Amino acid sequence: SLALLALGWGSHSLLTLLHGPTPPAWLQLVVFALLALLATLLGGLLPKAWVLDDPENAALRLGPLLESVNQALAPLLSAIEAVANVLLRAFGLPLQWDRLVPSLSASELESLIENDAVIGLEPDERNILEGVFSLRDTQVREVMVPRSGMVTLPLEACLSDLMEAVVSTRHARFPVIGESLDDVRGLLDLRLLAAPLVRGELTLDSPLSPYICPVARIQESASLADLLPQIRSGEPVLVVVDEHGGTEGLVTIADLTSEIVGDELEDDGDEADLIPLGGNCWRVAGDLEIFELNRQLGLKLPESDEHHTLAGFLLERLQHIPAAGEALNWEGDQFTVLTMDGPRIEDVKICLGERSNALIMSPQQD
């Protein structure tokens, strides 16, 4: 804008210098074309090319200058805005100055990031932004702890029961259930018991029913974007329910942040979910989808509403939280738990029996 104003101011002086106060029409056309070219170059192309070539350096250099110009022109800009407001009100038009500022929709920004059209983003920053946008397309059921993996406490639990669960799982919050998993009564949070413990109000045999907190619920079909408002309201754990109100699992703020920034234990996502160990044995991630596992190894593991992953399948068959080294034989194949992360099955060793040998498909084949 300043370049255009300067060129317009100097055009009359240039014409007067070239041919006196009354220049011919052809000279006016030549000067007009020259000014249009300079305005395009100085007012648009050259500044944009410089900024796009080195945006951070350009911002550092231009920031103080633009701030000084804004402060110097603030009275003039305020006067112009006041006059414009009067005219808009006179014509009955709404005052919507924010529409004059160009902006990008979420889908437009997502498209720019996916197409590497945003300059200056580090790989980690790009991954986080992509994780944020994926919240709209990811359902809660995809990141939740399934009901077969939930560690719960009974309604009549005492402090010793809670401490035993804390030691075995390294978690601090546990759902409290009544007659079944579909009857979640609330949540016990070890952190909220710190004050009564310090005051000596609790012993190992003390019932914890007075300290049960309400727990929020969310539909399994909801997106992680729908989960954000409840997380912001201070709900660290939510019970995931189906359309009939039955308990499907749990979702926590850790599951949400893991979806955005990734798992710190993963090596930048390069570690495969299925690694051959030789001798018809494979190391498989516990959260690998059963559909994908069946496709890769030619298995026929059942999938149900209760579980969708290998870990869920094992928990349903074992009917308890396994320890590392525990094994399950199913239709001639052996499943051995290798590592655990609290109540979650992290890695499993699968050794295929002779029945499955002819069905093995290489994980690299798609």
Protein backbone atom coordinates (compact mmCIF):
# COMPACT_ATOMS: atom_id res chain seq x y z
CA SER A 1 0.00 0.00 0.00
CA LEU A 2 2.80 2.43 0.83
CA ALA A 3 4.47 1.63 -2.50
CA LEU A 4 1.25 2.34 -4.40
CA LEU A 5 0.74 5.64 -2.55
CA ALA A 6 4.33 6.70 -3.25
CA LEU A 7 4.07 5.86 -6.96
CA GLY A 8 0.77 7.70 -7.29
CA TRP A 9 2.24 10.75 -5.53
CA GLY A 10 5.26 10.83 -7.82
CA SER A 11 3.47 10.21 -11.12
CA HIS A 12 2.32 13.82 -11.52
CA SER A 13 5.79 15.18 -10.77
CA LEU A 14 7.31 12.77 -13.31
CA LEU A 15 4.90 13.90 -16.06
CA THR A 16 5.57 17.55 -15.31
CA LEU A 17 9.32 16.95 -15.41
CA LEU A 18 9.14 15.14 -18.76
CA HIS A 19 6.76 17.42 -20.68
CA GLY A 20 5.61 20.39 -18.65
CA PRO A 21 2.20 20.88 -17.03
CA THR A 22 0.21 19.54 -20.03
CA PRO A 23 1.77 16.24 -21.23
CA PRO A 24 0.36 14.56 -24.35
CA ALA A 25 -1.95 11.56 -24.07
CA TRP A 26 0.64 9.07 -25.36
CA LEU A 27 3.09 10.08 -22.63
CA GLN A 28 0.42 9.67 -19.97
CA LEU A 29 -0.21 6.12 -21.24
CA VAL A 30 3.51 5.30 -21.14
CA VAL A 31 3.87 6.63 -17.59
CA PHE A 32 0.71 4.77 -16.54
CA ALA A 33 2.08 1.47 -17.91
CA LEU A 34 5.43 2.10 -16.23
CA LEU A 35 3.76 2.86 -12.89
CA ALA A 36 1.56 -0.25 -13.17
CA LEU A 37 4.67 -2.38 -13.74
CA LEU A 38 6.52 -0.80 -10.81
CA ALA A 39 3.46 -1.14 -8.56
CA THR A 40 3.19 -4.85 -9.39
CA LEU A 41 6.88 -5.43 -8.75
CA LEU A 42 7.43 -3.20 -5.71
CA GLY A 43 4.00 -3.65 -4.16
CA GLY A 44 3.58 -7.38 -4.68
CA LEU A 45 5.97 -9.74 -6.41
CA LEU A 46 9.35 -8.68 -5.01
CA PRO A 47 8.29 -8.34 -1.33
CA LYS A 48 6.39 -11.65 -1.43
CA ALA A 49 9.30 -13.46 -3.08
CA TRP A 50 11.70 -12.16 -0.42
CA VAL A 51 9.40 -13.11 2.47
CA LEU A 52 8.69 -16.60 1.10
CA ASP A 53 12.40 -17.23 0.54
CA ASP A 54 13.26 -16.59 4.20
CA PRO A 55 10.06 -16.05 6.25
CA GLU A 56 11.64 -16.09 9.72
CA ASN A 57 14.38 -13.59 8.83
CA ALA A 58 11.86 -11.38 7.01
CA ALA A 59 9.54 -11.37 10.02
CA LEU A 60 12.40 -10.40 12.36
CA ARG A 61 13.51 -7.58 10.06
CA LEU A 62 10.09 -6.20 9.16
CA GLY A 63 8.46 -6.62 12.58
CA PRO A 64 9.90 -3.48 14.23
CA LEU A 65 9.35 -1.41 11.06
CA LEU A 66 5.72 -2.48 10.68
CA GLU A 67 5.07 -1.84 14.36
CA SER A 68 6.51 1.67 14.06
CA VAL A 69 4.42 2.39 10.95
CA ASN A 70 1.27 1.11 12.68
CA GLN A 71 1.89 3.33 15.69
CA ALA A 72 2.66 6.37 13.53
CA LEU A 73 -0.46 5.90 11.39
CA ALA A 74 -2.72 4.82 14.26
CA PRO A 75 -4.55 8.20 14.54
CA LEU A 76 -5.12 8.34 10.78
CA LEU A 77 -6.31 4.72 10.63
CA SER A 78 -8.66 5.28 13.57
CA ALA A 79 -10.13 8.34 11.86
CA ILE A 80 -10.63 6.42 8.60
CA GLU A 81 -12.29 3.55 10.46
CA ALA A 82 -14.60 5.94 12.31
CA VAL A 83 -15.69 7.57 9.04
CA ALA A 84 -16.23 4.15 7.48
CA ASN A 85 -18.35 3.07 10.45
CA VAL A 86 -20.55 6.14 10.08
CA LEU A 87 -21.07 5.45 6.38
CA LEU A 88 -21.82 1.76 6.98
CA ARG A 89 -24.41 2.62 9.63
CA ALA A 90 -25.95 5.21 7.33
CA PHE A 91 -26.48 2.55 4.66
CA GLY A 92 -27.64 -0.05 7.22
CA LEU A 93 -24.68 -2.35 6.65
CA PRO A 94 -23.17 -4.48 9.46
CA LEU A 95 -19.73 -3.67 10.83
CA GLN A 96 -17.80 -6.81 9.97
CA TRP A 97 -14.17 -5.74 9.66
CA ASP A 98 -12.92 -9.22 10.44
CA ARG A 99 -14.17 -10.39 7.05
CA LEU A 100 -11.71 -8.03 5.39
CA VAL A 101 -8.80 -10.04 6.81
CA PRO A 102 -8.04 -13.11 4.67
CA SER A 103 -8.20 -16.37 6.61
CA LEU A 104 -7.90 -20.10 5.97
CA SER A 105 -10.47 -22.68 6.93
CA ALA A 106 -9.35 -25.77 8.83
CA SER A 107 -9.72 -27.94 5.73
CA GLU A 108 -7.67 -25.49 3.64
CA LEU A 109 -4.87 -25.41 6.22
CA GLU A 110 -4.92 -29.22 6.46
CA SER A 111 -4.62 -29.48 2.68
CA LEU A 112 -1.66 -27.09 2.66
CA ILE A 113 0.14 -29.10 5.35
CA GLU A 114 -0.49 -32.43 3.60
CA ASN A 115 0.85 -31.03 0.33
CA ASP A 116 3.99 -29.60 1.99
CA ALA A 117 2.88 -26.10 1.02
CA VAL A 118 3.61 -24.61 4.47
CA ILE A 119 7.17 -23.33 4.71
CA GLY A 120 9.23 -23.41 7.92
CA LEU A 121 7.55 -26.35 9.68
CA GLU A 122 9.82 -28.80 11.46
CA PRO A 123 8.94 -32.51 11.07
CA ASP A 124 7.74 -32.75 14.69
CA GLU A 125 5.59 -29.65 14.26
CA ARG A 126 4.09 -31.05 11.07
CA ASN A 127 3.31 -34.37 12.80
CA ILE A 128 1.57 -32.58 15.67
CA LEU A 129 -0.56 -30.50 13.31
CA GLU A 130 -1.49 -33.60 11.31
CA GLY A 131 -2.40 -35.30 14.59
CA VAL A 132 -4.67 -32.40 15.54
CA PHE A 133 -6.49 -32.55 12.21
CA SER A 134 -6.87 -36.33 12.49
CA LEU A 135 -8.96 -35.86 15.66
CA ARG A 136 -12.02 -35.15 13.51
CA ASP A 137 -11.67 -38.44 11.64
CA THR A 138 -10.68 -40.69 14.56
CA GLN A 139 -13.40 -42.33 16.63
CA VAL A 140 -13.09 -42.79 20.37
CA ARG A 141 -13.30 -46.58 19.99
CA GLU A 142 -10.04 -46.54 18.01
CA VAL A 143 -7.94 -45.23 20.92
CA MET A 144 -9.85 -46.42 24.00
CA VAL A 145 -8.85 -49.15 26.42
CA PRO A 146 -11.37 -51.93 25.61
CA ARG A 147 -13.61 -53.25 28.37
CA SER A 148 -11.62 -56.49 28.44
CA GLY A 149 -8.55 -54.42 29.37
CA MET A 150 -10.21 -52.31 32.07
CA VAL A 151 -8.97 -52.62 35.65
CA THR A 152 -11.91 -51.92 37.95
CA LEU A 153 -12.71 -51.92 41.65
CA PRO A 154 -15.90 -53.14 43.32
CA LEU A 155 -18.26 -50.77 45.04
CA GLU A 156 -17.23 -52.09 48.46
CA ALA A 157 -13.49 -51.67 47.79
CA CYS A 158 -11.29 -50.52 50.66
CA LEU A 159 -7.99 -48.65 50.65
CA SER A 160 -5.93 -51.85 50.52
CA ASP A 161 -7.74 -52.91 47.32
CA LEU A 162 -6.97 -49.56 45.73
CA MET A 163 -3.30 -49.65 46.71
CA GLU A 164 -2.95 -53.19 45.35
CA ALA A 165 -4.40 -52.04 42.02
CA VAL A 166 -2.07 -49.03 41.96
CA VAL A 167 1.01 -51.18 42.57
CA SER A 168 0.08 -53.76 39.93
CA THR A 169 -0.93 -51.30 37.19
CA ARG A 170 0.93 -48.05 38.05
CA HIS A 171 -2.30 -46.15 37.45
CA ALA A 172 -3.96 -43.73 39.86
CA ARG A 173 -7.60 -43.74 38.68
CA PHE A 174 -9.93 -46.73 38.57
CA PRO A 175 -13.60 -47.14 37.62
CA VAL A 176 -15.85 -48.45 40.35
CA ILE A 177 -18.49 -50.93 39.22
CA GLY A 178 -21.58 -52.44 40.75
CA GLU A 179 -22.94 -55.75 39.50
CA SER A 180 -21.09 -55.73 36.15
CA LEU A 181 -18.88 -53.67 33.84
CA ASP A 182 -22.03 -52.12 32.41
CA ASP A 183 -22.80 -50.72 35.87
CA VAL A 184 -20.03 -48.14 36.32
CA ARG A 185 -20.85 -46.15 39.46
CA GLY A 186 -17.98 -43.68 39.43
CA LEU A 187 -14.24 -43.21 39.70
CA LEU A 188 -11.69 -43.59 42.49
CA ASP A 189 -8.72 -41.23 42.22
CA LEU A 190 -5.73 -41.89 44.45
CA ARG A 191 -4.72 -38.22 44.25
CA LEU A 192 -7.95 -37.14 45.93
CA LEU A 193 -7.18 -39.40 48.89
CA ALA A 194 -3.93 -37.63 49.75
CA ALA A 195 -5.54 -35.15 52.16
CA PRO A 196 -7.55 -37.70 54.20
CA LEU A 197 -4.50 -39.98 54.30
CA VAL A 198 -2.35 -37.17 55.73
CA ARG A 199 -5.04 -36.37 58.30
CA GLY A 200 -5.10 -40.02 59.38
CA GLU A 201 -8.73 -40.48 58.38
CA LEU A 202 -8.05 -43.62 56.33
CA THR A 203 -6.65 -47.03 57.17
CA LEU A 204 -6.08 -49.99 54.88
CA ASP A 205 -9.52 -51.34 55.82
CA SER A 206 -11.37 -48.04 55.31
CA PRO A 207 -14.18 -48.24 52.72
CA LEU A 208 -13.76 -45.80 49.86
CA SER A 209 -17.38 -45.41 48.78
CA PRO A 210 -17.57 -41.84 50.22
CA TYR A 211 -14.70 -40.83 47.93
CA ILE A 212 -16.14 -42.13 44.66
CA CYS A 213 -16.34 -39.33 42.08
CA PRO A 214 -18.85 -39.11 39.22
CA VAL A 215 -17.54 -40.24 35.85
CA ALA A 216 -18.56 -38.84 32.47
CA ARG A 217 -19.57 -40.98 29.51
CA ILE A 218 -19.05 -40.63 25.78
CA GLN A 219 -20.34 -42.58 22.79
CA GLU A 220 -17.86 -44.94 21.12
CA SER A 221 -18.79 -43.47 17.72
CA ALA A 222 -17.89 -39.92 18.81
CA SER A 223 -14.78 -38.36 17.32
CA LEU A 224 -11.78 -37.31 19.37
CA ALA A 225 -12.70 -33.72 18.51
CA ASP A 226 -15.96 -34.29 20.45
CA LEU A 227 -13.84 -35.52 23.36
CA LEU A 228 -11.86 -32.28 23.67
CA PRO A 229 -14.55 -30.17 25.45
CA GLN A 230 -14.98 -32.81 28.17
CA ILE A 231 -11.22 -33.11 28.64
CA ARG A 232 -11.02 -29.31 29.00
CA SER A 233 -13.77 -29.38 31.62
CA GLY A 234 -11.52 -31.47 33.86
CA GLU A 235 -12.62 -35.03 33.05
CA PRO A 236 -9.37 -37.06 32.98
CA VAL A 237 -11.15 -40.39 32.41
CA LEU A 238 -14.36 -41.08 30.50
CA VAL A 239 -16.35 -44.28 30.16
CA VAL A 240 -16.99 -45.21 26.54
CA VAL A 241 -20.50 -46.60 25.95
CA ASP A 242 -22.34 -48.09 23.00
CA GLU A 243 -25.73 -47.06 21.66
CA HIS A 244 -27.46 -49.13 24.37
CA GLY A 245 -25.46 -47.61 27.23
CA GLY A 246 -23.26 -50.66 27.75
CA THR A 247 -19.64 -50.13 28.71
CA GLU A 248 -17.22 -50.50 25.79
CA GLY A 249 -14.05 -49.24 27.43
CA LEU A 250 -12.21 -46.24 28.84
CA VAL A 251 -10.56 -43.24 27.25
CA THR A 252 -8.16 -40.87 29.00
CA ILE A 253 -6.38 -37.63 28.28
CA ALA A 254 -3.24 -39.70 27.70
CA ASP A 255 -4.96 -41.49 24.82
CA LEU A 256 -5.86 -38.13 23.30
CA THR A 257 -2.38 -36.63 23.58
CA SER A 258 -0.84 -39.85 22.27
CA GLU A 259 -3.00 -39.52 19.15
CA ILE A 260 -1.72 -35.96 18.63
CA VAL A 261 1.99 -36.21 19.46
CA GLY A 262 2.51 -39.95 19.07
CA ASP A 263 3.85 -42.52 21.51
CA GLU A 264 7.18 -41.51 23.08
CA LEU A 265 8.16 -45.17 23.22
CA GLU A 266 7.89 -45.56 19.48
CA ASP A 267 10.99 -44.91 17.38
CA ASP A 268 9.47 -42.18 15.20
CA GLY A 269 6.91 -44.67 13.93
CA ASP A 270 9.54 -46.80 12.18
CA GLU A 271 9.04 -49.92 14.31
CA ALA A 272 6.85 -52.45 12.53
CA ASP A 273 3.72 -53.90 14.15
CA LEU A 274 4.67 -57.38 12.93
CA ILE A 275 8.30 -58.58 13.00
CA PRO A 276 9.43 -62.06 11.88
CA LEU A 277 11.48 -63.94 14.49
CA GLY A 278 12.15 -67.07 12.44
CA GLY A 279 10.76 -70.57 12.81
CA ASN A 280 7.18 -69.48 11.98
CA CYS A 281 7.23 -67.09 14.95
CA TRP A 282 6.38 -63.39 14.89
CA ARG A 283 6.60 -60.48 17.30
CA VAL A 284 3.30 -58.62 17.07
CA ALA A 285 2.13 -55.36 18.65
CA GLY A 286 -0.80 -55.87 20.99
CA ASP A 287 -2.77 -53.03 19.45
CA LEU A 288 -2.61 -54.50 15.94
CA GLU A 289 -6.10 -54.81 14.47
CA ILE A 290 -7.34 -58.40 14.21
CA PHE A 291 -8.42 -57.81 10.63
CA GLU A 292 -4.88 -56.79 9.69
CA LEU A 293 -3.32 -59.66 11.66
CA ASN A 294 -5.57 -62.19 9.94
CA ARG A 295 -4.69 -60.72 6.57
CA GLN A 296 -0.95 -60.72 7.21
CA LEU A 297 -0.62 -64.20 8.73
CA GLY A 298 -3.62 -65.96 7.24
CA LEU A 299 -5.19 -66.51 10.66
CA LYS A 300 -8.88 -66.67 11.46
CA LEU A 301 -9.02 -64.94 14.83
CA PRO A 302 -12.60 -63.94 15.65
CA GLU A 303 -13.51 -60.28 15.90
CA SER A 304 -16.48 -59.12 17.92
CA ASP A 305 -18.02 -56.06 19.49
CA GLU A 306 -15.96 -56.81 22.60
CA HIS A 307 -12.55 -56.60 20.94
CA HIS A 308 -10.93 -55.43 17.71
CA THR A 309 -7.22 -55.92 18.49
CA LEU A 310 -4.92 -58.82 19.31
CA ALA A 311 -4.67 -57.63 22.92
CA GLY A 312 -8.46 -57.57 23.22
CA PHE A 313 -8.70 -61.09 21.82
CA LEU A 314 -6.19 -62.41 24.37
CA LEU A 315 -7.82 -60.61 27.29
CA GLU A 316 -11.21 -62.03 26.37
CA ARG A 317 -9.81 -65.56 26.11
CA LEU A 318 -7.73 -65.37 29.30
CA GLN A 319 -10.39 -63.53 31.33
CA HIS A 320 -7.72 -61.74 33.37
CA ILE A 321 -4.80 -59.34 33.00
CA PRO A 322 -1.86 -61.57 32.02
CA ALA A 323 1.74 -61.31 33.12
CA ALA A 324 4.71 -61.30 30.76
CA GLY A 325 5.48 -64.86 29.71
CA GLU A 326 1.91 -66.13 29.98
CA ALA A 327 0.83 -68.15 26.93
CA LEU A 328 -2.40 -69.17 25.21
CA ASN A 329 -2.87 -71.99 22.71
CA TRP A 330 -5.64 -71.41 20.18
CA GLU A 331 -6.36 -73.78 17.29
CA GLY A 332 -2.79 -74.99 17.07
CA ASP A 333 -1.14 -71.56 17.35
CA GLN A 334 0.65 -70.30 20.47
CA PHE A 335 0.32 -66.72 21.70
CA THR A 336 2.87 -65.66 24.34
CA VAL A 337 2.72 -62.28 26.08
CA LEU A 338 6.17 -60.67 25.81
CA THR A 339 5.77 -57.25 27.42
CA MET A 340 3.08 -55.42 29.38
CA ASP A 341 2.43 -51.71 29.90
CA GLY A 342 0.38 -51.69 33.08
CA PRO A 343 -2.83 -53.55 32.18
CA ARG A 344 -2.13 -53.27 28.45
CA ILE A 345 -0.60 -56.06 26.42
CA GLU A 346 2.20 -54.38 24.51
CA ASP A 347 3.91 -57.16 22.51
CA VAL A 348 2.97 -60.75 21.75
CA LYS A 349 4.95 -63.63 20.28
CA ILE A 350 2.90 -65.74 17.87
CA CYS A 351 4.20 -69.16 16.84
CA LEU A 352 2.14 -70.69 14.05
CA GLY A 353 1.31 -74.37 13.98
CA GLU A 354 1.57 -76.59 10.92
CA ARG A 355 -2.04 -75.86 10.04
CA SER A 356 -1.21 -72.22 9.31
CA ASN A 357 2.11 -72.67 7.53
CA ALA A 358 0.62 -72.70 4.04
CA LEU A 359 -1.42 -69.59 4.76
CA ILE A 360 1.37 -67.23 5.80
CA MET A 361 1.47 -63.98 3.84
CA SER A 362 4.50 -61.75 3.92
CA PRO A 363 3.81 -58.54 5.87
CA GLN A 364 5.39 -56.59 3.02
CA GLN A 365 2.77 -57.83 0.53
CA ASP A 366 -0.20 -55.54 0.11
